[in-house]
Each structure stands twice: as C-alpha cells, then as structure tokens.
PDB file of N, CA and C in Angstrom:
ATOM      1  N   MET A   1     109.711  74.856  84.031  1.00  0.00           N
ATOM      2  CA  MET A   1     111.085  75.157  84.362  1.00  0.00           C
ATOM      3  C   MET A   1     112.030  74.668  83.270  1.00  0.00           C
ATOM      4  N   ALA A   2     111.569  73.753  82.445  1.00  0.00           N
ATOM      5  CA  ALA A   2     112.426  73.255  81.371  1.00  0.00           C
ATOM      6  C   ALA A   2     112.650  74.327  80.300  1.00  0.00           C
ATOM      7  N   PHE A   3     111.665  75.187  80.065  1.00  0.00           N
ATOM      8  CA  PHE A   3     111.764  76.193  79.023  1.00  0.00           C
ATOM      9  C   PHE A   3     112.199  77.553  79.540  1.00  0.00           C
ATOM     10  N   ASP A   4     111.937  77.824  80.804  1.00  0.00           N
ATOM     11  CA  ASP A   4     112.294  79.108  81.397  1.00  0.00           C
ATOM     12  C   ASP A   4     112.777  78.855  82.816  1.00  0.00           C
ATOM     13  N   PRO A   5     114.062  78.572  82.992  1.00  0.00           N
ATOM     14  CA  PRO A   5     114.562  78.247  84.330  1.00  0.00           C
ATOM     15  C   PRO A   5     114.252  79.357  85.332  1.00  0.00           C
ATOM     16  N   VAL A   6     113.851  78.961  86.507  1.00  0.00           N
ATOM     17  CA  VAL A   6     113.539  79.922  87.558  1.00  0.00           C
ATOM     18  C   VAL A   6     114.557  79.857  88.690  1.00  0.00           C
ATOM     19  N   LEU A   7     115.440  78.851  88.630  1.00  0.00           N
ATOM     20  CA  LEU A   7     116.447  78.649  89.669  1.00  0.00           C
ATOM     21  C   LEU A   7     117.832  78.522  89.057  1.00  0.00           C
ATOM     22  N   THR A   8     118.821  78.990  89.782  1.00  0.00           N
ATOM     23  CA  THR A   8     120.195  78.711  89.371  1.00  0.00           C
ATOM     24  C   THR A   8     120.810  77.635  90.260  1.00  0.00           C
ATOM     25  N   ASN A   9     120.065  77.214  91.278  1.00  0.00           N
ATOM     26  CA  ASN A   9     120.529  76.153  92.179  1.00  0.00           C
ATOM     27  C   ASN A   9     119.479  75.044  92.316  1.00  0.00           C
ATOM     28  N   PRO A  10     119.004  74.495  91.198  1.00  0.00           N
ATOM     29  CA  PRO A  10     117.900  73.532  91.270  1.00  0.00           C
ATOM     30  C   PRO A  10     118.220  72.236  92.009  1.00  0.00           C
ATOM     31  N   MET A  11     119.472  71.831  92.041  1.00  0.00           N
ATOM     32  CA  MET A  11     119.822  70.554  92.671  1.00  0.00           C
ATOM     33  C   MET A  11     120.343  70.700  94.104  1.00  0.00           C
ATOM     34  N   GLU A  12     120.436  71.914  94.591  1.00  0.00           N
ATOM     35  CA  GLU A  12     120.884  72.146  95.962  1.00  0.00           C
ATOM     36  C   GLU A  12     119.842  71.562  96.926  1.00  0.00           C
ATOM     37  N   ILE A  13     120.287  70.823  97.921  1.00  0.00           N
ATOM     38  CA  ILE A  13     119.388  70.083  98.815  1.00  0.00           C
ATOM     39  C   ILE A  13     118.988  70.933 100.022  1.00  0.00           C
ATOM     40  N   HIS A  14     117.670  70.923 100.308  1.00  0.00           N
ATOM     41  CA  HIS A  14     117.120  71.664 101.453  1.00  0.00           C
ATOM     42  C   HIS A  14     115.915  70.901 102.011  1.00  0.00           C
ATOM     43  N   GLN A  15     115.472  71.339 103.175  1.00  0.00           N
ATOM     44  CA  GLN A  15     114.318  70.718 103.811  1.00  0.00           C
ATOM     45  C   GLN A  15     113.068  70.983 102.974  1.00  0.00           C
ATOM     46  N   ALA A  16     112.328  69.940 102.699  1.00  0.00           N
ATOM     47  CA  ALA A  16     111.117  70.038 101.893  1.00  0.00           C
ATOM     48  C   ALA A  16     109.916  70.378 102.775  1.00  0.00           C
ATOM     49  N   PRO A  17     108.908  71.069 102.218  1.00  0.00           N
ATOM     50  CA  PRO A  17     107.747  71.429 103.027  1.00  0.00           C
ATOM     51  C   PRO A  17     106.769  70.280 103.268  1.00  0.00           C
ATOM     52  N   ILE A  18     106.797  69.257 102.424  1.00  0.00           N
ATOM     53  CA  ILE A  18     105.820  68.166 102.530  1.00  0.00           C
ATOM     54  C   ILE A  18     106.473  66.886 103.022  1.00  0.00           C
ATOM     55  N   ARG A  19     107.584  66.547 102.445  1.00  0.00           N
ATOM     56  CA  ARG A  19     108.260  65.290 102.784  1.00  0.00           C
ATOM     57  C   ARG A  19     109.203  65.486 103.961  1.00  0.00           C
ATOM     58  N   PRO A  20     109.452  64.438 104.724  1.00  0.00           N
ATOM     59  CA  PRO A  20     110.366  64.569 105.870  1.00  0.00           C
ATOM     60  C   PRO A  20     111.842  64.605 105.476  1.00  0.00           C
ATOM     61  N   ASP A  21     112.154  64.118 104.272  1.00  0.00           N
ATOM     62  CA  ASP A  21     113.549  64.069 103.843  1.00  0.00           C
ATOM     63  C   ASP A  21     113.891  65.295 102.993  1.00  0.00           C
ATOM     64  N   PRO A  22     115.129  65.782 103.085  1.00  0.00           N
ATOM     65  CA  PRO A  22     115.552  66.916 102.267  1.00  0.00           C
ATOM     66  C   PRO A  22     115.438  66.580 100.777  1.00  0.00           C
ATOM     67  N   ARG A  23     115.152  67.612  99.989  1.00  0.00           N
ATOM     68  CA  ARG A  23     114.922  67.443  98.551  1.00  0.00           C
ATOM     69  C   ARG A  23     115.671  68.525  97.780  1.00  0.00           C
ATOM     70  N   PRO A  24     115.856  68.339  96.470  1.00  0.00           N
ATOM     71  CA  PRO A  24     116.450  69.386  95.639  1.00  0.00           C
ATOM     72  C   PRO A  24     115.565  70.642  95.642  1.00  0.00           C
ATOM     73  N   MET A  25     116.200  71.774  95.496  1.00  0.00           N
ATOM     74  CA  MET A  25     115.477  73.049  95.557  1.00  0.00           C
ATOM     75  C   MET A  25     114.338  73.129  94.557  1.00  0.00           C
ATOM     76  N   PHE A  26     114.498  72.572  93.360  1.00  0.00           N
ATOM     77  CA  PHE A  26     113.396  72.648  92.399  1.00  0.00           C
ATOM     78  C   PHE A  26     112.162  71.912  92.920  1.00  0.00           C
ATOM     79  N   GLN A  27     112.353  70.850  93.693  1.00  0.00           N
ATOM     80  CA  GLN A  27     111.214  70.139  94.274  1.00  0.00           C
ATOM     81  C   GLN A  27     110.634  70.913  95.457  1.00  0.00           C
ATOM     82  N   VAL A  28     111.492  71.582  96.221  1.00  0.00           N
ATOM     83  CA  VAL A  28     111.009  72.431  97.313  1.00  0.00           C
ATOM     84  C   VAL A  28     110.140  73.550  96.743  1.00  0.00           C
ATOM     85  N   LEU A  29     110.621  74.186  95.686  1.00  0.00           N
ATOM     86  CA  LEU A  29     109.847  75.253  95.045  1.00  0.00           C
ATOM     87  C   LEU A  29     108.536  74.720  94.486  1.00  0.00           C
ATOM     88  N   HIS A  30     108.588  73.603  93.816  1.00  0.00           N
ATOM     89  CA  HIS A  30     107.368  73.021  93.244  1.00  0.00           C
ATOM     90  C   HIS A  30     106.357  72.702  94.350  1.00  0.00           C
ATOM     91  N   GLY A  31     106.815  72.061  95.412  1.00  0.00           N
ATOM     92  CA  GLY A  31     105.919  71.729  96.518  1.00  0.00           C
ATOM     93  C   GLY A  31     105.311  72.972  97.154  1.00  0.00           C
ATOM     94  N   THR A  32     106.104  74.013  97.297  1.00  0.00           N
ATOM     95  CA  THR A  32     105.616  75.259  97.884  1.00  0.00           C
ATOM     96  C   THR A  32     104.566  75.900  96.981  1.00  0.00           C
ATOM     97  N   PHE A  33     104.826  75.897  95.686  1.00  0.00           N
ATOM     98  CA  PHE A  33     103.870  76.443  94.722  1.00  0.00           C
ATOM     99  C   PHE A  33     102.540  75.689  94.780  1.00  0.00           C
ATOM    100  N   VAL A  34     102.614  74.367  94.811  1.00  0.00           N
ATOM    101  CA  VAL A  34     101.396  73.546  94.881  1.00  0.00           C
ATOM    102  C   VAL A  34     100.656  73.793  96.199  1.00  0.00           C
ATOM    103  N   LEU A  35     101.399  73.902  97.285  1.00  0.00           N
ATOM    104  CA  LEU A  35     100.764  74.167  98.583  1.00  0.00           C
ATOM    105  C   LEU A  35     100.050  75.517  98.605  1.00  0.00           C
ATOM    106  N   ALA A  36     100.598  76.518  97.913  1.00  0.00           N
ATOM    107  CA  ALA A  36      99.919  77.816  97.826  1.00  0.00           C
ATOM    108  C   ALA A  36      98.548  77.643  97.190  1.00  0.00           C
ATOM    109  N   ARG A  37      98.495  76.834  96.154  1.00  0.00           N
ATOM    110  CA  ARG A  37      97.207  76.586  95.473  1.00  0.00           C
ATOM    111  C   ARG A  37      96.278  75.745  96.352  1.00  0.00           C
ATOM    112  N   ASN A  38      96.839  74.772  97.060  1.00  0.00           N
ATOM    113  CA  ASN A  38      96.019  73.976  97.982  1.00  0.00           C
ATOM    114  C   ASN A  38      95.399  74.867  99.058  1.00  0.00           C
ATOM    115  N   CYS A  39      96.185  75.784  99.582  1.00  0.00           N
ATOM    116  CA  CYS A  39      95.683  76.710 100.608  1.00  0.00           C
ATOM    117  C   CYS A  39      94.546  77.563 100.045  1.00  0.00           C
ATOM    118  N   ARG A  40      94.744  78.050  98.836  1.00  0.00           N
ATOM    119  CA  ARG A  40      93.715  78.900  98.222  1.00  0.00           C
ATOM    120  C   ARG A  40      92.411  78.125  98.023  1.00  0.00           C
ATOM    121  N   VAL A  41      92.513  76.956  97.432  1.00  0.00           N
ATOM    122  CA  VAL A  41      91.307  76.169  97.137  1.00  0.00           C
ATOM    123  C   VAL A  41      90.623  75.706  98.421  1.00  0.00           C
ATOM    124  N   HIS A  42      91.391  75.155  99.351  1.00  0.00           N
ATOM    125  CA  HIS A  42      90.787  74.672 100.595  1.00  0.00           C
ATOM    126  C   HIS A  42      90.222  75.828 101.428  1.00  0.00           C
ATOM    127  N   GLY A  43      90.887  76.988 101.387  1.00  0.00           N
ATOM    128  CA  GLY A  43      90.368  78.157 102.100  1.00  0.00           C
ATOM    129  C   GLY A  43      89.027  78.598 101.541  1.00  0.00           C
ATOM    130  N   ARG A  44      88.918  78.636 100.234  1.00  0.00           N
ATOM    131  CA  ARG A  44      87.643  79.018  99.604  1.00  0.00           C
ATOM    132  C   ARG A  44      86.549  77.992  99.900  1.00  0.00           C
ATOM    133  N   LEU A  45      86.909  76.719  99.827  1.00  0.00           N
ATOM    134  CA  LEU A  45      85.934  75.676 100.144  1.00  0.00           C
ATOM    135  C   LEU A  45      85.492  75.753 101.603  1.00  0.00           C
ATOM    136  N   GLN A  46      86.442  75.969 102.509  1.00  0.00           N
ATOM    137  CA  GLN A  46      86.115  76.065 103.933  1.00  0.00           C
ATOM    138  C   GLN A  46      85.185  77.244 104.191  1.00  0.00           C
ATOM    139  N   ASP A  47      85.439  78.379 103.535  1.00  0.00           N
ATOM    140  CA  ASP A  47      84.589  79.558 103.713  1.00  0.00           C
ATOM    141  C   ASP A  47      83.178  79.315 103.198  1.00  0.00           C
ATOM    142  N   ARG A  48      83.100  78.649 102.067  1.00  0.00           N
ATOM    143  CA  ARG A  48      81.784  78.459 101.430  1.00  0.00           C
ATOM    144  C   ARG A  48      81.025  77.245 101.971  1.00  0.00           C
ATOM    145  N   PHE A  49      81.757  76.206 102.328  1.00  0.00           N
ATOM    146  CA  PHE A  49      81.129  74.960 102.779  1.00  0.00           C
ATOM    147  C   PHE A  49      81.773  74.480 104.079  1.00  0.00           C
ATOM    148  N   PRO A  50      81.558  75.171 105.182  1.00  0.00           N
ATOM    149  CA  PRO A  50      82.201  74.784 106.442  1.00  0.00           C
ATOM    150  C   PRO A  50      81.830  73.378 106.897  1.00  0.00           C
ATOM    151  N   GLU A  51      80.701  72.889 106.438  1.00  0.00           N
ATOM    152  CA  GLU A  51      80.269  71.540 106.830  1.00  0.00           C
ATOM    153  C   GLU A  51      81.189  70.444 106.282  1.00  0.00           C
ATOM    154  N   LEU A  52      82.027  70.771 105.337  1.00  0.00           N
ATOM    155  CA  LEU A  52      82.977  69.785 104.812  1.00  0.00           C
ATOM    156  C   LEU A  52      84.085  69.470 105.815  1.00  0.00           C
ATOM    157  N   GLY A  53      84.279  70.338 106.787  1.00  0.00           N
ATOM    158  CA  GLY A  53      85.280  70.089 107.826  1.00  0.00           C
ATOM    159  C   GLY A  53      86.712  70.085 107.312  1.00  0.00           C
ATOM    160  N   LEU A  54      87.050  71.051 106.497  1.00  0.00           N
ATOM    161  CA  LEU A  54      88.387  71.100 105.900  1.00  0.00           C
ATOM    162  C   LEU A  54      89.388  71.903 106.716  1.00  0.00           C
ATOM    163  N   SER A  55      88.991  72.434 107.858  1.00  0.00           N
ATOM    164  CA  SER A  55      89.861  73.338 108.604  1.00  0.00           C
ATOM    165  C   SER A  55      91.158  72.667 109.061  1.00  0.00           C
ATOM    166  N   THR A  56      91.099  71.409 109.478  1.00  0.00           N
ATOM    167  CA  THR A  56      92.310  70.716 109.929  1.00  0.00           C
ATOM    168  C   THR A  56      93.295  70.545 108.782  1.00  0.00           C
ATOM    169  N   GLN A  57      92.807  70.112 107.634  1.00  0.00           N
ATOM    170  CA  GLN A  57      93.680  69.942 106.469  1.00  0.00           C
ATOM    171  C   GLN A  57      94.200  71.289 105.987  1.00  0.00           C
ATOM    172  N   LEU A  58      93.354  72.313 106.028  1.00  0.00           N
ATOM    173  CA  LEU A  58      93.771  73.648 105.612  1.00  0.00           C
ATOM    174  C   LEU A  58      94.911  74.152 106.495  1.00  0.00           C
ATOM    175  N   GLU A  59      94.808  73.958 107.787  1.00  0.00           N
ATOM    176  CA  GLU A  59      95.875  74.384 108.687  1.00  0.00           C
ATOM    177  C   GLU A  59      97.174  73.617 108.421  1.00  0.00           C
ATOM    178  N   LYS A  60      97.048  72.336 108.129  1.00  0.00           N
ATOM    179  CA  LYS A  60      98.235  71.551 107.790  1.00  0.00           C
ATOM    180  C   LYS A  60      98.890  72.086 106.523  1.00  0.00           C
ATOM    181  N   PHE A  61      98.090  72.376 105.490  1.00  0.00           N
ATOM    182  CA  PHE A  61      98.622  72.944 104.250  1.00  0.00           C
ATOM    183  C   PHE A  61      99.302  74.283 104.528  1.00  0.00           C
ATOM    184  N   ARG A  62      98.695  75.121 105.370  1.00  0.00           N
ATOM    185  CA  ARG A  62      99.269  76.431 105.679  1.00  0.00           C
ATOM    186  C   ARG A  62     100.598  76.305 106.416  1.00  0.00           C
ATOM    187  N   GLU A  63     100.693  75.359 107.337  1.00  0.00           N
ATOM    188  CA  GLU A  63     101.964  75.130 108.044  1.00  0.00           C
ATOM    189  C   GLU A  63     103.045  74.672 107.068  1.00  0.00           C
ATOM    190  N   GLN A  64     102.702  73.713 106.212  1.00  0.00           N
ATOM    191  CA  GLN A  64     103.661  73.215 105.225  1.00  0.00           C
ATOM    192  C   GLN A  64     104.071  74.331 104.266  1.00  0.00           C
ATOM    193  N   TYR A  65     103.104  75.109 103.848  1.00  0.00           N
ATOM    194  CA  TYR A  65     103.384  76.220 102.942  1.00  0.00           C
ATOM    195  C   TYR A  65     104.351  77.211 103.592  1.00  0.00           C
ATOM    196  N   GLY A  66     104.107  77.532 104.849  1.00  0.00           N
ATOM    197  CA  GLY A  66     104.987  78.455 105.560  1.00  0.00           C
ATOM    198  C   GLY A  66     106.418  77.951 105.619  1.00  0.00           C
ATOM    199  N   ARG A  67     106.577  76.649 105.856  1.00  0.00           N
ATOM    200  CA  ARG A  67     107.932  76.064 105.876  1.00  0.00           C
ATOM    201  C   ARG A  67     108.579  76.163 104.496  1.00  0.00           C
ATOM    202  N   GLY A  68     107.826  75.822 103.470  1.00  0.00           N
ATOM    203  CA  GLY A  68     108.366  75.880 102.108  1.00  0.00           C
ATOM    204  C   GLY A  68     108.713  77.297 101.693  1.00  0.00           C
ATOM    205  N   LEU A  69     107.861  78.251 102.044  1.00  0.00           N
ATOM    206  CA  LEU A  69     108.116  79.643 101.702  1.00  0.00           C
ATOM    207  C   LEU A  69     109.373  80.149 102.405  1.00  0.00           C
ATOM    208  N   GLN A  70     109.551  79.756 103.643  1.00  0.00           N
ATOM    209  CA  GLN A  70     110.745  80.158 104.386  1.00  0.00           C
ATOM    210  C   GLN A  70     112.014  79.621 103.717  1.00  0.00           C
ATOM    211  N   VAL A  71     111.996  78.346 103.341  1.00  0.00           N
ATOM    212  CA  VAL A  71     113.170  77.740 102.698  1.00  0.00           C
ATOM    213  C   VAL A  71     113.443  78.392 101.349  1.00  0.00           C
ATOM    214  N   THR A  72     112.401  78.606 100.545  1.00  0.00           N
ATOM    215  CA  THR A  72     112.629  79.200  99.222  1.00  0.00           C
ATOM    216  C   THR A  72     113.145  80.631  99.347  1.00  0.00           C
ATOM    217  N   ARG A  73     112.598  81.390 100.268  1.00  0.00           N
ATOM    218  CA  ARG A  73     113.048  82.781 100.422  1.00  0.00           C
ATOM    219  C   ARG A  73     114.477  82.860 100.964  1.00  0.00           C
ATOM    220  N   GLU A  74     114.861  81.891 101.761  1.00  0.00           N
ATOM    221  CA  GLU A  74     116.197  81.918 102.336  1.00  0.00           C
ATOM    222  C   GLU A  74     117.262  81.366 101.395  1.00  0.00           C
ATOM    223  N   PHE A  75     116.935  80.312 100.648  1.00  0.00           N
ATOM    224  CA  PHE A  75     117.971  79.587  99.917  1.00  0.00           C
ATOM    225  C   PHE A  75     117.843  79.592  98.400  1.00  0.00           C
ATOM    226  N   MET A  76     116.684  79.931  97.864  1.00  0.00           N
ATOM    227  CA  MET A  76     116.482  79.891  96.421  1.00  0.00           C
ATOM    228  C   MET A  76     117.329  80.966  95.743  1.00  0.00           C
ATOM    229  N   LYS A  77     118.078  80.551  94.738  1.00  0.00           N
ATOM    230  CA  LYS A  77     118.846  81.483  93.908  1.00  0.00           C
ATOM    231  C   LYS A  77     118.072  81.615  92.601  1.00  0.00           C
ATOM    232  N   SER A  78     117.403  82.735  92.460  1.00  0.00           N
ATOM    233  CA  SER A  78     116.424  82.929  91.397  1.00  0.00           C
ATOM    234  C   SER A  78     117.004  83.547  90.145  1.00  0.00           C
ATOM    235  N   THR A  79     116.388  83.191  89.031  1.00  0.00           N
ATOM    236  CA  THR A  79     116.546  83.957  87.809  1.00  0.00           C
ATOM    237  C   THR A  79     115.541  85.113  87.911  1.00  0.00           C
ATOM    238  N   VAL A  80     115.479  85.946  86.897  1.00  0.00           N
ATOM    239  CA  VAL A  80     114.493  87.037  86.891  1.00  0.00           C
ATOM    240  C   VAL A  80     113.085  86.455  86.997  1.00  0.00           C
ATOM    241  N   MET A  81     112.808  85.420  86.220  1.00  0.00           N
ATOM    242  CA  MET A  81     111.471  84.795  86.268  1.00  0.00           C
ATOM    243  C   MET A  81     111.221  84.143  87.629  1.00  0.00           C
ATOM    244  N   GLY A  82     112.248  83.556  88.208  1.00  0.00           N
ATOM    245  CA  GLY A  82     112.110  82.954  89.526  1.00  0.00           C
ATOM    246  C   GLY A  82     111.776  83.974  90.588  1.00  0.00           C
ATOM    247  N   SER A  83     112.381  85.145  90.506  1.00  0.00           N
ATOM    248  CA  SER A  83     112.077  86.218  91.451  1.00  0.00           C
ATOM    249  C   SER A  83     110.621  86.651  91.325  1.00  0.00           C
ATOM    250  N   LEU A  84     110.145  86.754  90.095  1.00  0.00           N
ATOM    251  CA  LEU A  84     108.738  87.114  89.882  1.00  0.00           C
ATOM    252  C   LEU A  84     107.808  86.042  90.453  1.00  0.00           C
ATOM    253  N   LEU A  85     108.168  84.790  90.225  1.00  0.00           N
ATOM    254  CA  LEU A  85     107.365  83.694  90.763  1.00  0.00           C
ATOM    255  C   LEU A  85     107.328  83.749  92.286  1.00  0.00           C
ATOM    256  N   LEU A  86     108.475  83.917  92.904  1.00  0.00           N
ATOM    257  CA  LEU A  86     108.553  83.963  94.363  1.00  0.00           C
ATOM    258  C   LEU A  86     107.771  85.151  94.916  1.00  0.00           C
ATOM    259  N   GLN A  87     107.850  86.285  94.259  1.00  0.00           N
ATOM    260  CA  GLN A  87     107.109  87.466  94.697  1.00  0.00           C
ATOM    261  C   GLN A  87     105.604  87.274  94.575  1.00  0.00           C
ATOM    262  N   SER A  88     105.178  86.392  93.680  1.00  0.00           N
ATOM    263  CA  SER A  88     103.731  86.177  93.470  1.00  0.00           C
ATOM    264  C   SER A  88     103.106  85.299  94.554  1.00  0.00           C
ATOM    265  N   LEU A  89     103.945  84.632  95.343  1.00  0.00           N
ATOM    266  CA  LEU A  89     103.411  83.750  96.382  1.00  0.00           C
ATOM    267  C   LEU A  89     102.978  84.575  97.585  1.00  0.00           C
ATOM    268  N   PRO A  90     101.783  84.322  98.105  1.00  0.00           N
ATOM    269  CA  PRO A  90     101.301  85.088  99.257  1.00  0.00           C
ATOM    270  C   PRO A  90     102.132  84.790 100.510  1.00  0.00           C
ATOM    271  N   GLU A  91     102.140  85.728 101.425  1.00  0.00           N
ATOM    272  CA  GLU A  91     102.929  85.605 102.657  1.00  0.00           C
ATOM    273  C   GLU A  91     102.503  84.441 103.539  1.00  0.00           C
ATOM    274  N   THR A  92     101.215  84.197 103.654  1.00  0.00           N
ATOM    275  CA  THR A  92     100.724  83.247 104.649  1.00  0.00           C
ATOM    276  C   THR A  92      99.970  82.058 104.093  1.00  0.00           C
ATOM    277  N   GLY A  93      99.857  81.952 102.807  1.00  0.00           N
ATOM    278  CA  GLY A  93      99.042  80.882 102.242  1.00  0.00           C
ATOM    279  C   GLY A  93      97.577  81.264 102.169  1.00  0.00           C
ATOM    280  N   VAL A  94      97.299  82.540 102.473  1.00  0.00           N
ATOM    281  CA  VAL A  94      95.938  83.055 102.376  1.00  0.00           C
ATOM    282  C   VAL A  94      95.995  84.260 101.458  1.00  0.00           C
ATOM    283  N   GLU A  95      95.340  84.173 100.340  1.00  0.00           N
ATOM    284  CA  GLU A  95      95.360  85.279  99.403  1.00  0.00           C
ATOM    285  C   GLU A  95      94.243  86.262  99.728  1.00  0.00           C
ATOM    286  N   ALA A  96      94.498  87.523  99.476  1.00  0.00           N
ATOM    287  CA  ALA A  96      93.484  88.543  99.686  1.00  0.00           C
ATOM    288  C   ALA A  96      92.278  88.248  98.820  1.00  0.00           C
ATOM    289  N   GLY A  97      91.110  88.372  99.377  1.00  0.00           N
ATOM    290  CA  GLY A  97      89.892  88.127  98.626  1.00  0.00           C
ATOM    291  C   GLY A  97      89.605  86.675  98.372  1.00  0.00           C
ATOM    292  N   ALA A  98      90.338  85.782  99.012  1.00  0.00           N
ATOM    293  CA  ALA A  98      90.114  84.345  98.822  1.00  0.00           C
ATOM    294  C   ALA A  98      88.828  84.023  99.440  1.00  0.00           C
TER     295      ALA A  98
END
C-alpha cells in the first residue's frame, strides 16, 4: 500500500474483523485479506486432512472474514487498484476449486 495506495480513507475507523476494538480502514482491509488466505489454506487442509480437526478454526476464520468483507464493501473508498483487490476477494471465504 505504500507504493500503490488502494484506499482513499486509510485512517477512517471501523469495526475490525479480528480485534474487538475499531481499527483504521487499512488495518480492516489487511485483516480481511489475511483472513481470506487463512480460509483458503485451512479449507484445503481440512479437505485433505480431516483428522487435523481444523473445522472449528476454519469456521471462526470464515465468520471473521465475512465481517471484514462486509465492512470493506460498505465503507472502503477504493482507488482503481483497491477496487480490483476488493473484487478479487471471494464472497464467502471459500474459493472455487479450493
């Protein structure tokens, strides 16, 4: 984000998907992006190795991701690159073919 800003409102405060306290929008976006990857990795691991028992953590990540996605879609003021980034995030934290 330092070289290619994705937000025009990076310091605007909103509810964060992971932490209980409100955070700046750039942190909300970052947390949501990371949660998308957590959902993808944990989903693949759960599918391949169900004995690891990751379903509870996966559901928690998906809930957090859903909250973050809702906040970013409602309040994020995107640059062109930010819009592309937001569009690349899956709807539910589950990517097709994961």
